[in-house]
Amino acid sequence: MVRTLLLVDDDPHILETAQDILEAAGYTVQTAETGAAALQKLRAVPCELMIVDFNLLDMSGIDVAVQAKQIRPELVVFMMTGEANVDLGPAETIIHTLLMKPVSPPQLIDLIHKIS
């Protein structure tokens, strides 16, 4: 069951908006604006789900996902992107769901409920 999740995006507005929506839905939400900060939080705070942007300023979302699964193998990973064509490469096997931006709040909450 998903109780705590980590949102990773370099756009503070997206982080704040998504955090507010998900907290209102009853989730505990951690946020990070960089891949490095996300990995540090995963080491410190148990999370069941990570929602990570495909393009971050310091590293790719794919690299974050791969390293996150090494830290927490049980972690479910959703990836968000605004790009039409995304090649996940070898990370395709670890990305549970690929979300196209903008993600509607009801769609996101429904997807989270489905994995809980």
PDB file of N, CA and C in Angstrom:
ATOM      1  N   MET A   1       0.841  -1.191   0.000  1.00  0.00           N
ATOM      2  CA  MET A   1       0.000   0.000   0.000  1.00  0.00           C
ATOM      3  C   MET A   1       0.880   1.248   0.000  1.00  0.00           C
ATOM      4  N   VAL A   2       0.558   2.176  -0.861  1.00  0.00           N
ATOM      5  CA  VAL A   2       1.330   3.413  -0.942  1.00  0.00           C
ATOM      6  C   VAL A   2       0.860   4.374   0.137  1.00  0.00           C
ATOM      7  N   ARG A   3       1.788   4.732   0.995  1.00  0.00           N
ATOM      8  CA  ARG A   3       1.522   5.739   2.020  1.00  0.00           C
ATOM      9  C   ARG A   3       2.403   6.955   1.804  1.00  0.00           C
ATOM     10  N   THR A   4       3.669   6.691   1.458  1.00  0.00           N
ATOM     11  CA  THR A   4       4.634   7.754   1.277  1.00  0.00           C
ATOM     12  C   THR A   4       5.193   7.686  -0.130  1.00  0.00           C
ATOM     13  N   LEU A   5       5.242   8.837  -0.773  1.00  0.00           N
ATOM     14  CA  LEU A   5       5.797   8.869  -2.111  1.00  0.00           C
ATOM     15  C   LEU A   5       6.746  10.040  -2.258  1.00  0.00           C
ATOM     16  N   LEU A   6       7.598   9.917  -3.240  1.00  0.00           N
ATOM     17  CA  LEU A   6       8.608  10.928  -3.526  1.00  0.00           C
ATOM     18  C   LEU A   6       8.346  11.488  -4.911  1.00  0.00           C
ATOM     19  N   LEU A   7       8.160  12.801  -4.976  1.00  0.00           N
ATOM     20  CA  LEU A   7       7.996  13.515  -6.241  1.00  0.00           C
ATOM     21  C   LEU A   7       9.319  14.155  -6.606  1.00  0.00           C
ATOM     22  N   VAL A   8       9.762  13.947  -7.841  1.00  0.00           N
ATOM     23  CA  VAL A   8      11.040  14.502  -8.288  1.00  0.00           C
ATOM     24  C   VAL A   8      10.807  15.264  -9.579  1.00  0.00           C
ATOM     25  N   ASP A   9      10.981  16.581  -9.514  1.00  0.00           N
ATOM     26  CA  ASP A   9      10.824  17.432 -10.696  1.00  0.00           C
ATOM     27  C   ASP A   9      11.600  18.715 -10.445  1.00  0.00           C
ATOM     28  N   ASP A  10      12.225  19.249 -11.497  1.00  0.00           N
ATOM     29  CA  ASP A  10      12.987  20.480 -11.314  1.00  0.00           C
ATOM     30  C   ASP A  10      12.126  21.735 -11.434  1.00  0.00           C
ATOM     31  N   ASP A  11      10.835  21.560 -11.612  1.00  0.00           N
ATOM     32  CA  ASP A  11       9.900  22.694 -11.656  1.00  0.00           C
ATOM     33  C   ASP A  11       9.201  22.800 -10.305  1.00  0.00           C
ATOM     34  N   PRO A  12       9.562  23.828  -9.512  1.00  0.00           N
ATOM     35  CA  PRO A  12       8.979  23.943  -8.164  1.00  0.00           C
ATOM     36  C   PRO A  12       7.458  24.085  -8.180  1.00  0.00           C
ATOM     37  N   HIS A  13       6.901  24.686  -9.230  1.00  0.00           N
ATOM     38  CA  HIS A  13       5.443  24.838  -9.307  1.00  0.00           C
ATOM     39  C   HIS A  13       4.766  23.469  -9.436  1.00  0.00           C
ATOM     40  N   ILE A  14       5.326  22.601 -10.275  1.00  0.00           N
ATOM     41  CA  ILE A  14       4.770  21.254 -10.430  1.00  0.00           C
ATOM     42  C   ILE A  14       4.859  20.501  -9.110  1.00  0.00           C
ATOM     43  N   LEU A  15       6.012  20.605  -8.445  1.00  0.00           N
ATOM     44  CA  LEU A  15       6.175  19.918  -7.156  1.00  0.00           C
ATOM     45  C   LEU A  15       5.148  20.386  -6.136  1.00  0.00           C
ATOM     46  N   GLU A  16       4.994  21.691  -6.021  1.00  0.00           N
ATOM     47  CA  GLU A  16       4.085  22.245  -5.016  1.00  0.00           C
ATOM     48  C   GLU A  16       2.637  21.849  -5.304  1.00  0.00           C
ATOM     49  N   THR A  17       2.240  21.972  -6.563  1.00  0.00           N
ATOM     50  CA  THR A  17       0.866  21.640  -6.936  1.00  0.00           C
ATOM     51  C   THR A  17       0.579  20.158  -6.710  1.00  0.00           C
ATOM     52  N   ALA A  18       1.472  19.299  -7.201  1.00  0.00           N
ATOM     53  CA  ALA A  18       1.274  17.855  -7.036  1.00  0.00           C
ATOM     54  C   ALA A  18       1.304  17.460  -5.561  1.00  0.00           C
ATOM     55  N   GLN A  19       2.195  18.070  -4.795  1.00  0.00           N
ATOM     56  CA  GLN A  19       2.267  17.765  -3.368  1.00  0.00           C
ATOM     57  C   GLN A  19       0.946  18.109  -2.684  1.00  0.00           C
ATOM     58  N   ASP A  20       0.407  19.279  -2.975  1.00  0.00           N
ATOM     59  CA  ASP A  20      -0.860  19.681  -2.369  1.00  0.00           C
ATOM     60  C   ASP A  20      -1.983  18.706  -2.713  1.00  0.00           C
ATOM     61  N   ILE A  21      -2.059  18.310  -3.979  1.00  0.00           N
ATOM     62  CA  ILE A  21      -3.113  17.405  -4.438  1.00  0.00           C
ATOM     63  C   ILE A  21      -2.979  16.036  -3.764  1.00  0.00           C
ATOM     64  N   LEU A  22      -1.763  15.519  -3.732  1.00  0.00           N
ATOM     65  CA  LEU A  22      -1.553  14.185  -3.170  1.00  0.00           C
ATOM     66  C   LEU A  22      -1.703  14.163  -1.655  1.00  0.00           C
ATOM     67  N   GLU A  23      -1.281  15.215  -0.989  1.00  0.00           N
ATOM     68  CA  GLU A  23      -1.480  15.280   0.463  1.00  0.00           C
ATOM     69  C   GLU A  23      -2.968  15.376   0.789  1.00  0.00           C
ATOM     70  N   ALA A  24      -3.728  16.111  -0.029  1.00  0.00           N
ATOM     71  CA  ALA A  24      -5.178  16.203   0.177  1.00  0.00           C
ATOM     72  C   ALA A  24      -5.837  14.837  -0.017  1.00  0.00           C
ATOM     73  N   ALA A  25      -5.207  13.973  -0.825  1.00  0.00           N
ATOM     74  CA  ALA A  25      -5.726  12.623  -1.049  1.00  0.00           C
ATOM     75  C   ALA A  25      -5.267  11.649   0.036  1.00  0.00           C
ATOM     76  N   GLY A  26      -4.475  12.145   0.999  1.00  0.00           N
ATOM     77  CA  GLY A  26      -4.099  11.319   2.140  1.00  0.00           C
ATOM     78  C   GLY A  26      -2.699  10.739   2.124  1.00  0.00           C
ATOM     79  N   TYR A  27      -1.882  11.106   1.158  1.00  0.00           N
ATOM     80  CA  TYR A  27      -0.524  10.577   1.068  1.00  0.00           C
ATOM     81  C   TYR A  27       0.474  11.481   1.780  1.00  0.00           C
ATOM     82  N   THR A  28       1.536  10.876   2.278  1.00  0.00           N
ATOM     83  CA  THR A  28       2.680  11.634   2.783  1.00  0.00           C
ATOM     84  C   THR A  28       3.596  11.826   1.592  1.00  0.00           C
ATOM     85  N   VAL A  29       3.983  13.072   1.334  1.00  0.00           N
ATOM     86  CA  VAL A  29       4.722  13.391   0.121  1.00  0.00           C
ATOM     87  C   VAL A  29       6.059  14.047   0.454  1.00  0.00           C
ATOM     88  N   GLN A  30       7.116  13.458  -0.068  1.00  0.00           N
ATOM     89  CA  GLN A  30       8.450  14.044  -0.028  1.00  0.00           C
ATOM     90  C   GLN A  30       8.703  14.629  -1.419  1.00  0.00           C
ATOM     91  N   THR A  31       9.505  15.692  -1.504  1.00  0.00           N
ATOM     92  CA  THR A  31       9.818  16.274  -2.806  1.00  0.00           C
ATOM     93  C   THR A  31      11.320  16.464  -2.959  1.00  0.00           C
ATOM     94  N   ALA A  32      11.748  16.481  -4.217  1.00  0.00           N
ATOM     95  CA  ALA A  32      13.151  16.759  -4.544  1.00  0.00           C
ATOM     96  C   ALA A  32      13.191  17.430  -5.913  1.00  0.00           C
ATOM     97  N   GLU A  33      14.061  18.434  -6.044  1.00  0.00           N
ATOM     98  CA  GLU A  33      14.192  19.148  -7.315  1.00  0.00           C
ATOM     99  C   GLU A  33      15.337  18.619  -8.168  1.00  0.00           C
ATOM    100  N   THR A  34      16.143  17.722  -7.619  1.00  0.00           N
ATOM    101  CA  THR A  34      17.255  17.145  -8.375  1.00  0.00           C
ATOM    102  C   THR A  34      17.292  15.639  -8.163  1.00  0.00           C
ATOM    103  N   GLY A  35      17.965  14.967  -9.078  1.00  0.00           N
ATOM    104  CA  GLY A  35      18.125  13.527  -8.923  1.00  0.00           C
ATOM    105  C   GLY A  35      18.938  13.185  -7.695  1.00  0.00           C
ATOM    106  N   ALA A  36      19.998  13.958  -7.459  1.00  0.00           N
ATOM    107  CA  ALA A  36      20.855  13.699  -6.295  1.00  0.00           C
ATOM    108  C   ALA A  36      20.071  13.841  -4.995  1.00  0.00           C
ATOM    109  N   ALA A  37      19.244  14.879  -4.908  1.00  0.00           N
ATOM    110  CA  ALA A  37      18.432  15.078  -3.697  1.00  0.00           C
ATOM    111  C   ALA A  37      17.424  13.947  -3.536  1.00  0.00           C
ATOM    112  N   ALA A  38      16.874  13.465  -4.643  1.00  0.00           N
ATOM    113  CA  ALA A  38      15.914  12.364  -4.583  1.00  0.00           C
ATOM    114  C   ALA A  38      16.570  11.105  -4.033  1.00  0.00           C
ATOM    115  N   LEU A  39      17.745  10.794  -4.525  1.00  0.00           N
ATOM    116  CA  LEU A  39      18.440   9.588  -4.066  1.00  0.00           C
ATOM    117  C   LEU A  39      18.812   9.697  -2.592  1.00  0.00           C
ATOM    118  N   GLN A  40      19.204  10.879  -2.172  1.00  0.00           N
ATOM    119  CA  GLN A  40      19.518  11.104  -0.756  1.00  0.00           C
ATOM    120  C   GLN A  40      18.265  10.892   0.098  1.00  0.00           C
ATOM    121  N   LYS A  41      17.117  11.410  -0.348  1.00  0.00           N
ATOM    122  CA  LYS A  41      15.880  11.228   0.421  1.00  0.00           C
ATOM    123  C   LYS A  41      15.477   9.762   0.476  1.00  0.00           C
ATOM    124  N   LEU A  42      15.657   9.027  -0.623  1.00  0.00           N
ATOM    125  CA  LEU A  42      15.307   7.608  -0.623  1.00  0.00           C
ATOM    126  C   LEU A  42      16.136   6.815   0.368  1.00  0.00           C
ATOM    127  N   ARG A  43      17.360   7.246   0.589  1.00  0.00           N
ATOM    128  CA  ARG A  43      18.204   6.566   1.578  1.00  0.00           C
ATOM    129  C   ARG A  43      17.717   6.842   3.003  1.00  0.00           C
ATOM    130  N   ALA A  44      17.090   7.999   3.203  1.00  0.00           N
ATOM    131  CA  ALA A  44      16.700   8.421   4.547  1.00  0.00           C
ATOM    132  C   ALA A  44      15.238   8.145   4.895  1.00  0.00           C
ATOM    133  N   VAL A  45      14.364   8.165   3.888  1.00  0.00           N
ATOM    134  CA  VAL A  45      12.925   8.070   4.141  1.00  0.00           C
ATOM    135  C   VAL A  45      12.341   6.918   3.338  1.00  0.00           C
ATOM    136  N   PRO A  46      11.681   5.967   3.989  1.00  0.00           N
ATOM    137  CA  PRO A  46      11.057   4.882   3.239  1.00  0.00           C
ATOM    138  C   PRO A  46       9.894   5.404   2.392  1.00  0.00           C
ATOM    139  N   CYS A  47       9.910   5.071   1.125  1.00  0.00           N
ATOM    140  CA  CYS A  47       8.848   5.449   0.189  1.00  0.00           C
ATOM    141  C   CYS A  47       8.444   4.215  -0.596  1.00  0.00           C
ATOM    142  N   GLU A  48       7.175   4.137  -0.924  1.00  0.00           N
ATOM    143  CA  GLU A  48       6.689   3.019  -1.721  1.00  0.00           C
ATOM    144  C   GLU A  48       6.637   3.357  -3.210  1.00  0.00           C
ATOM    145  N   LEU A  49       6.563   4.656  -3.520  1.00  0.00           N
ATOM    146  CA  LEU A  49       6.400   5.105  -4.897  1.00  0.00           C
ATOM    147  C   LEU A  49       7.249   6.340  -5.143  1.00  0.00           C
ATOM    148  N   MET A  50       7.884   6.379  -6.310  1.00  0.00           N
ATOM    149  CA  MET A  50       8.597   7.581  -6.743  1.00  0.00           C
ATOM    150  C   MET A  50       8.015   8.009  -8.083  1.00  0.00           C
ATOM    151  N   ILE A  51       7.684   9.282  -8.185  1.00  0.00           N
ATOM    152  CA  ILE A  51       7.223   9.855  -9.444  1.00  0.00           C
ATOM    153  C   ILE A  51       8.316  10.824  -9.876  1.00  0.00           C
ATOM    154  N   VAL A  52       8.997  10.491 -10.975  1.00  0.00           N
ATOM    155  CA  VAL A  52      10.179  11.242 -11.383  1.00  0.00           C
ATOM    156  C   VAL A  52      10.015  11.776 -12.798  1.00  0.00           C
ATOM    157  N   ASP A  53      10.471  13.006 -12.995  1.00  0.00           N
ATOM    158  CA  ASP A  53      10.443  13.618 -14.320  1.00  0.00           C
ATOM    159  C   ASP A  53      11.540  13.000 -15.184  1.00  0.00           C
ATOM    160  N   PHE A  54      11.271  12.866 -16.458  1.00  0.00           N
ATOM    161  CA  PHE A  54      12.219  12.274 -17.397  1.00  0.00           C
ATOM    162  C   PHE A  54      13.487  13.118 -17.519  1.00  0.00           C
ATOM    163  N   ASN A  55      13.318  14.450 -17.561  1.00  0.00           N
ATOM    164  CA  ASN A  55      14.463  15.360 -17.700  1.00  0.00           C
ATOM    165  C   ASN A  55      14.630  16.184 -16.436  1.00  0.00           C
ATOM    166  N   LEU A  56      15.747  16.004 -15.773  1.00  0.00           N
ATOM    167  CA  LEU A  56      16.092  16.804 -14.600  1.00  0.00           C
ATOM    168  C   LEU A  56      17.350  17.596 -14.930  1.00  0.00           C
ATOM    169  N   LEU A  57      17.630  18.596 -14.142  1.00  0.00           N
ATOM    170  CA  LEU A  57      18.797  19.443 -14.417  1.00  0.00           C
ATOM    171  C   LEU A  57      20.122  18.722 -14.199  1.00  0.00           C
ATOM    172  N   ASP A  58      20.184  17.856 -13.200  1.00  0.00           N
ATOM    173  CA  ASP A  58      21.477  17.248 -12.860  1.00  0.00           C
ATOM    174  C   ASP A  58      21.684  15.843 -13.415  1.00  0.00           C
ATOM    175  N   MET A  59      20.620  15.152 -13.770  1.00  0.00           N
ATOM    176  CA  MET A  59      20.738  13.797 -14.318  1.00  0.00           C
ATOM    177  C   MET A  59      19.420  13.413 -14.973  1.00  0.00           C
ATOM    178  N   SER A  60      19.436  12.359 -15.735  1.00  0.00           N
ATOM    179  CA  SER A  60      18.187  11.931 -16.372  1.00  0.00           C
ATOM    180  C   SER A  60      17.312  11.211 -15.360  1.00  0.00           C
ATOM    181  N   GLY A  61      16.021  11.275 -15.597  1.00  0.00           N
ATOM    182  CA  GLY A  61      15.082  10.545 -14.752  1.00  0.00           C
ATOM    183  C   GLY A  61      15.321   9.044 -14.805  1.00  0.00           C
ATOM    184  N   ILE A  62      15.806   8.578 -15.958  1.00  0.00           N
ATOM    185  CA  ILE A  62      16.121   7.150 -16.088  1.00  0.00           C
ATOM    186  C   ILE A  62      17.249   6.773 -15.131  1.00  0.00           C
ATOM    187  N   ASP A  63      18.301   7.604 -15.085  1.00  0.00           N
ATOM    188  CA  ASP A  63      19.400   7.321 -14.161  1.00  0.00           C
ATOM    189  C   ASP A  63      18.915   7.339 -12.713  1.00  0.00           C
ATOM    190  N   VAL A  64      18.043   8.276 -12.394  1.00  0.00           N
ATOM    191  CA  VAL A  64      17.484   8.340 -11.037  1.00  0.00           C
ATOM    192  C   VAL A  64      16.706   7.060 -10.743  1.00  0.00           C
ATOM    193  N   ALA A  65      15.886   6.629 -11.688  1.00  0.00           N
ATOM    194  CA  ALA A  65      15.078   5.423 -11.487  1.00  0.00           C
ATOM    195  C   ALA A  65      15.955   4.196 -11.273  1.00  0.00           C
ATOM    196  N   VAL A  66      16.986   4.042 -12.086  1.00  0.00           N
ATOM    197  CA  VAL A  66      17.881   2.884 -11.962  1.00  0.00           C
ATOM    198  C   VAL A  66      18.558   2.876 -10.592  1.00  0.00           C
ATOM    199  N   GLN A  67      19.092   4.023 -10.184  1.00  0.00           N
ATOM    200  CA  GLN A  67      19.771   4.090  -8.888  1.00  0.00           C
ATOM    201  C   GLN A  67      18.778   3.938  -7.734  1.00  0.00           C
ATOM    202  N   ALA A  68      17.584   4.480  -7.901  1.00  0.00           N
ATOM    203  CA  ALA A  68      16.567   4.363  -6.848  1.00  0.00           C
ATOM    204  C   ALA A  68      16.187   2.909  -6.615  1.00  0.00           C
ATOM    205  N   LYS A  69      16.069   2.130  -7.687  1.00  0.00           N
ATOM    206  CA  LYS A  69      15.733   0.712  -7.548  1.00  0.00           C
ATOM    207  C   LYS A  69      16.870  -0.072  -6.895  1.00  0.00           C
ATOM    208  N   GLN A  70      18.092   0.407  -7.037  1.00  0.00           N
ATOM    209  CA  GLN A  70      19.214  -0.232  -6.338  1.00  0.00           C
ATOM    210  C   GLN A  70      19.133   0.057  -4.840  1.00  0.00           C
ATOM    211  N   ILE A  71      18.687   1.245  -4.490  1.00  0.00           N
ATOM    212  CA  ILE A  71      18.548   1.623  -3.083  1.00  0.00           C
ATOM    213  C   ILE A  71      17.347   0.923  -2.461  1.00  0.00           C
ATOM    214  N   ARG A  72      16.228   0.936  -3.167  1.00  0.00           N
ATOM    215  CA  ARG A  72      14.971   0.350  -2.685  1.00  0.00           C
ATOM    216  C   ARG A  72      14.365  -0.511  -3.794  1.00  0.00           C
ATOM    217  N   PRO A  73      14.755  -1.777  -3.863  1.00  0.00           N
ATOM    218  CA  PRO A  73      14.276  -2.649  -4.952  1.00  0.00           C
ATOM    219  C   PRO A  73      12.751  -2.776  -5.039  1.00  0.00           C
ATOM    220  N   GLU A  74      12.067  -2.602  -3.917  1.00  0.00           N
ATOM    221  CA  GLU A  74      10.610  -2.736  -3.908  1.00  0.00           C
ATOM    222  C   GLU A  74       9.889  -1.477  -4.397  1.00  0.00           C
ATOM    223  N   LEU A  75      10.621  -0.410  -4.639  1.00  0.00           N
ATOM    224  CA  LEU A  75      10.049   0.871  -5.031  1.00  0.00           C
ATOM    225  C   LEU A  75       9.325   0.769  -6.374  1.00  0.00           C
ATOM    226  N   VAL A  76       8.133   1.346  -6.440  1.00  0.00           N
ATOM    227  CA  VAL A  76       7.399   1.462  -7.702  1.00  0.00           C
ATOM    228  C   VAL A  76       7.765   2.819  -8.294  1.00  0.00           C
ATOM    229  N   VAL A  77       8.058   2.835  -9.599  1.00  0.00           N
ATOM    230  CA  VAL A  77       8.501   4.074 -10.247  1.00  0.00           C
ATOM    231  C   VAL A  77       7.534   4.469 -11.359  1.00  0.00           C
ATOM    232  N   PHE A  78       7.007   5.679 -11.244  1.00  0.00           N
ATOM    233  CA  PHE A  78       6.261   6.320 -12.325  1.00  0.00           C
ATOM    234  C   PHE A  78       7.195   7.368 -12.916  1.00  0.00           C
ATOM    235  N   MET A  79       7.204   7.502 -14.227  1.00  0.00           N
ATOM    236  CA  MET A  79       8.002   8.536 -14.878  1.00  0.00           C
ATOM    237  C   MET A  79       7.067   9.482 -15.615  1.00  0.00           C
ATOM    238  N   MET A  80       7.352  10.783 -15.507  1.00  0.00           N
ATOM    239  CA  MET A  80       6.570  11.806 -16.197  1.00  0.00           C
ATOM    240  C   MET A  80       7.425  12.424 -17.298  1.00  0.00           C
ATOM    241  N   THR A  81       6.777  12.761 -18.404  1.00  0.00           N
ATOM    242  CA  THR A  81       7.489  13.445 -19.468  1.00  0.00           C
ATOM    243  C   THR A  81       6.524  14.298 -20.279  1.00  0.00           C
ATOM    244  N   GLY A  82       7.071  15.334 -20.865  1.00  0.00           N
ATOM    245  CA  GLY A  82       6.317  16.158 -21.796  1.00  0.00           C
ATOM    246  C   GLY A  82       6.702  15.857 -23.226  1.00  0.00           C
ATOM    247  N   GLU A  83       7.631  14.929 -23.395  1.00  0.00           N
ATOM    248  CA  GLU A  83       8.119  14.574 -24.723  1.00  0.00           C
ATOM    249  C   GLU A  83       7.225  13.516 -25.358  1.00  0.00           C
ATOM    250  N   ALA A  84       7.018  13.655 -26.659  1.00  0.00           N
ATOM    251  CA  ALA A  84       6.141  12.727 -27.372  1.00  0.00           C
ATOM    252  C   ALA A  84       6.770  11.348 -27.524  1.00  0.00           C
ATOM    253  N   ASN A  85       8.054  11.307 -27.838  1.00  0.00           N
ATOM    254  CA  ASN A  85       8.734  10.027 -28.056  1.00  0.00           C
ATOM    255  C   ASN A  85       9.817   9.852 -27.006  1.00  0.00           C
ATOM    256  N   VAL A  86       9.630   8.876 -26.150  1.00  0.00           N
ATOM    257  CA  VAL A  86      10.572   8.623 -25.072  1.00  0.00           C
ATOM    258  C   VAL A  86      11.080   7.190 -25.190  1.00  0.00           C
ATOM    259  N   ASP A  87      12.389   7.052 -25.209  1.00  0.00           N
ATOM    260  CA  ASP A  87      13.002   5.728 -25.221  1.00  0.00           C
ATOM    261  C   ASP A  87      13.528   5.446 -23.825  1.00  0.00           C
ATOM    262  N   LEU A  88      12.901   4.522 -23.135  1.00  0.00           N
ATOM    263  CA  LEU A  88      13.317   4.193 -21.770  1.00  0.00           C
ATOM    264  C   LEU A  88      14.515   3.262 -21.751  1.00  0.00           C
ATOM    265  N   GLY A  89      14.823   2.668 -22.894  1.00  0.00           N
ATOM    266  CA  GLY A  89      15.967   1.775 -22.967  1.00  0.00           C
ATOM    267  C   GLY A  89      15.833   0.639 -21.971  1.00  0.00           C
ATOM    268  N   PRO A  90      16.965   0.279 -21.339  1.00  0.00           N
ATOM    269  CA  PRO A  90      16.929  -0.834 -20.390  1.00  0.00           C
ATOM    270  C   PRO A  90      16.088  -0.538 -19.143  1.00  0.00           C
ATOM    271  N   ALA A  91      15.768   0.733 -18.897  1.00  0.00           N
ATOM    272  CA  ALA A  91      14.952   1.091 -17.728  1.00  0.00           C
ATOM    273  C   ALA A  91      13.485   0.755 -17.934  1.00  0.00           C
ATOM    274  N   GLU A  92      13.123   0.341 -19.148  1.00  0.00           N
ATOM    275  CA  GLU A  92      11.727   0.019 -19.432  1.00  0.00           C
ATOM    276  C   GLU A  92      11.177  -1.036 -18.468  1.00  0.00           C
ATOM    277  N   THR A  93      12.032  -1.928 -18.022  1.00  0.00           N
ATOM    278  CA  THR A  93      11.583  -2.996 -17.124  1.00  0.00           C
ATOM    279  C   THR A  93      11.356  -2.515 -15.690  1.00  0.00           C
ATOM    280  N   ILE A  94      11.888  -1.352 -15.338  1.00  0.00           N
ATOM    281  CA  ILE A  94      11.706  -0.860 -13.963  1.00  0.00           C
ATOM    282  C   ILE A  94      10.716   0.287 -13.860  1.00  0.00           C
ATOM    283  N   ILE A  95      10.312   0.856 -14.992  1.00  0.00           N
ATOM    284  CA  ILE A  95       9.328   1.935 -14.982  1.00  0.00           C
ATOM    285  C   ILE A  95       7.944   1.301 -15.030  1.00  0.00           C
ATOM    286  N   HIS A  96       7.205   1.461 -13.953  1.00  0.00           N
ATOM    287  CA  HIS A  96       5.867   0.875 -13.862  1.00  0.00           C
ATOM    288  C   HIS A  96       4.900   1.573 -14.809  1.00  0.00           C
ATOM    289  N   THR A  97       4.922   2.906 -14.797  1.00  0.00           N
ATOM    290  CA  THR A  97       3.966   3.691 -15.574  1.00  0.00           C
ATOM    291  C   THR A  97       4.660   4.921 -16.137  1.00  0.00           C
ATOM    292  N   LEU A  98       4.421   5.199 -17.416  1.00  0.00           N
ATOM    293  CA  LEU A  98       4.921   6.409 -18.065  1.00  0.00           C
ATOM    294  C   LEU A  98       3.751   7.367 -18.210  1.00  0.00           C
ATOM    295  N   LEU A  99       3.872   8.531 -17.598  1.00  0.00           N
ATOM    296  CA  LEU A  99       2.808   9.533 -17.597  1.00  0.00           C
ATOM    297  C   LEU A  99       3.171  10.682 -18.526  1.00  0.00           C
ATOM    298  N   MET A 100       2.223  11.128 -19.323  1.00  0.00           N
ATOM    299  CA  MET A 100       2.443  12.279 -20.193  1.00  0.00           C
ATOM    300  C   MET A 100       1.972  13.541 -19.475  1.00  0.00           C
ATOM    301  N   LYS A 101       2.833  14.558 -19.449  1.00  0.00           N
ATOM    302  CA  LYS A 101       2.460  15.841 -18.853  1.00  0.00           C
ATOM    303  C   LYS A 101       1.559  16.593 -19.821  1.00  0.00           C
ATOM    304  N   PRO A 102       0.616  17.347 -19.339  1.00  0.00           N
ATOM    305  CA  PRO A 102       0.257  17.461 -17.923  1.00  0.00           C
ATOM    306  C   PRO A 102      -0.563  16.257 -17.470  1.00  0.00           C
ATOM    307  N   VAL A 103      -0.303  15.834 -16.262  1.00  0.00           N
ATOM    308  CA  VAL A 103      -1.000  14.696 -15.672  1.00  0.00           C
ATOM    309  C   VAL A 103      -2.199  15.232 -14.900  1.00  0.00           C
ATOM    310  N   SER A 104      -3.364  14.685 -15.172  1.00  0.00           N
ATOM    311  CA  SER A 104      -4.542  15.149 -14.441  1.00  0.00           C
ATOM    312  C   SER A 104      -4.522  14.551 -13.036  1.00  0.00           C
ATOM    313  N   PRO A 105      -4.884  15.342 -12.035  1.00  0.00           N
ATOM    314  CA  PRO A 105      -4.895  14.823 -10.664  1.00  0.00           C
ATOM    315  C   PRO A 105      -5.747  13.570 -10.487  1.00  0.00           C
ATOM    316  N   PRO A 106      -6.965  13.503 -11.039  1.00  0.00           N
ATOM    317  CA  PRO A 106      -7.738  12.266 -10.857  1.00  0.00           C
ATOM    318  C   PRO A 106      -7.041  11.053 -11.480  1.00  0.00           C
ATOM    319  N   GLN A 107      -6.403  11.244 -12.644  1.00  0.00           N
ATOM    320  CA  GLN A 107      -5.696  10.136 -13.290  1.00  0.00           C
ATOM    321  C   GLN A 107      -4.556   9.658 -12.399  1.00  0.00           C
ATOM    322  N   LEU A 108      -3.788  10.584 -11.848  1.00  0.00           N
ATOM    323  CA  LEU A 108      -2.655  10.226 -11.005  1.00  0.00           C
ATOM    324  C   LEU A 108      -3.112   9.485  -9.755  1.00  0.00           C
ATOM    325  N   ILE A 109      -4.111  10.009  -9.095  1.00  0.00           N
ATOM    326  CA  ILE A 109      -4.614   9.373  -7.868  1.00  0.00           C
ATOM    327  C   ILE A 109      -5.173   7.987  -8.178  1.00  0.00           C
ATOM    328  N   ASP A 110      -5.871   7.854  -9.305  1.00  0.00           N
ATOM    329  CA  ASP A 110      -6.399   6.550  -9.707  1.00  0.00           C
ATOM    330  C   ASP A 110      -5.266   5.552  -9.945  1.00  0.00           C
ATOM    331  N   LEU A 111      -4.203   5.975 -10.608  1.00  0.00           N
ATOM    332  CA  LEU A 111      -3.063   5.082 -10.858  1.00  0.00           C
ATOM    333  C   LEU A 111      -2.396   4.658  -9.555  1.00  0.00           C
ATOM    334  N   ILE A 112      -2.277   5.572  -8.618  1.00  0.00           N
ATOM    335  CA  ILE A 112      -1.680   5.240  -7.327  1.00  0.00           C
ATOM    336  C   ILE A 112      -2.560   4.242  -6.571  1.00  0.00           C
ATOM    337  N   HIS A 113      -3.871   4.470  -6.596  1.00  0.00           N
ATOM    338  CA  HIS A 113      -4.789   3.532  -5.936  1.00  0.00           C
ATOM    339  C   HIS A 113      -4.689   2.139  -6.536  1.00  0.00           C
ATOM    340  N   LYS A 114      -4.468   2.051  -7.822  1.00  0.00           N
ATOM    341  CA  LYS A 114      -4.413   0.754  -8.488  1.00  0.00           C
ATOM    342  C   LYS A 114      -3.193  -0.076  -8.049  1.00  0.00           C
ATOM    343  N   ILE A 115      -2.113   0.580  -7.635  1.00  0.00           N
ATOM    344  CA  ILE A 115      -0.946  -0.189  -7.198  1.00  0.00           C
ATOM    345  C   ILE A 115      -0.961  -0.431  -5.702  1.00  0.00           C
ATOM    346  N   SER A 116      -1.890   0.181  -5.003  1.00  0.00           N
ATOM    347  CA  SER A 116      -1.957   0.021  -3.542  1.00  0.00           C
ATOM    348  C   SER A 116      -2.615  -1.268  -3.146  1.00  0.00           C
TER     349      SER A 116
END
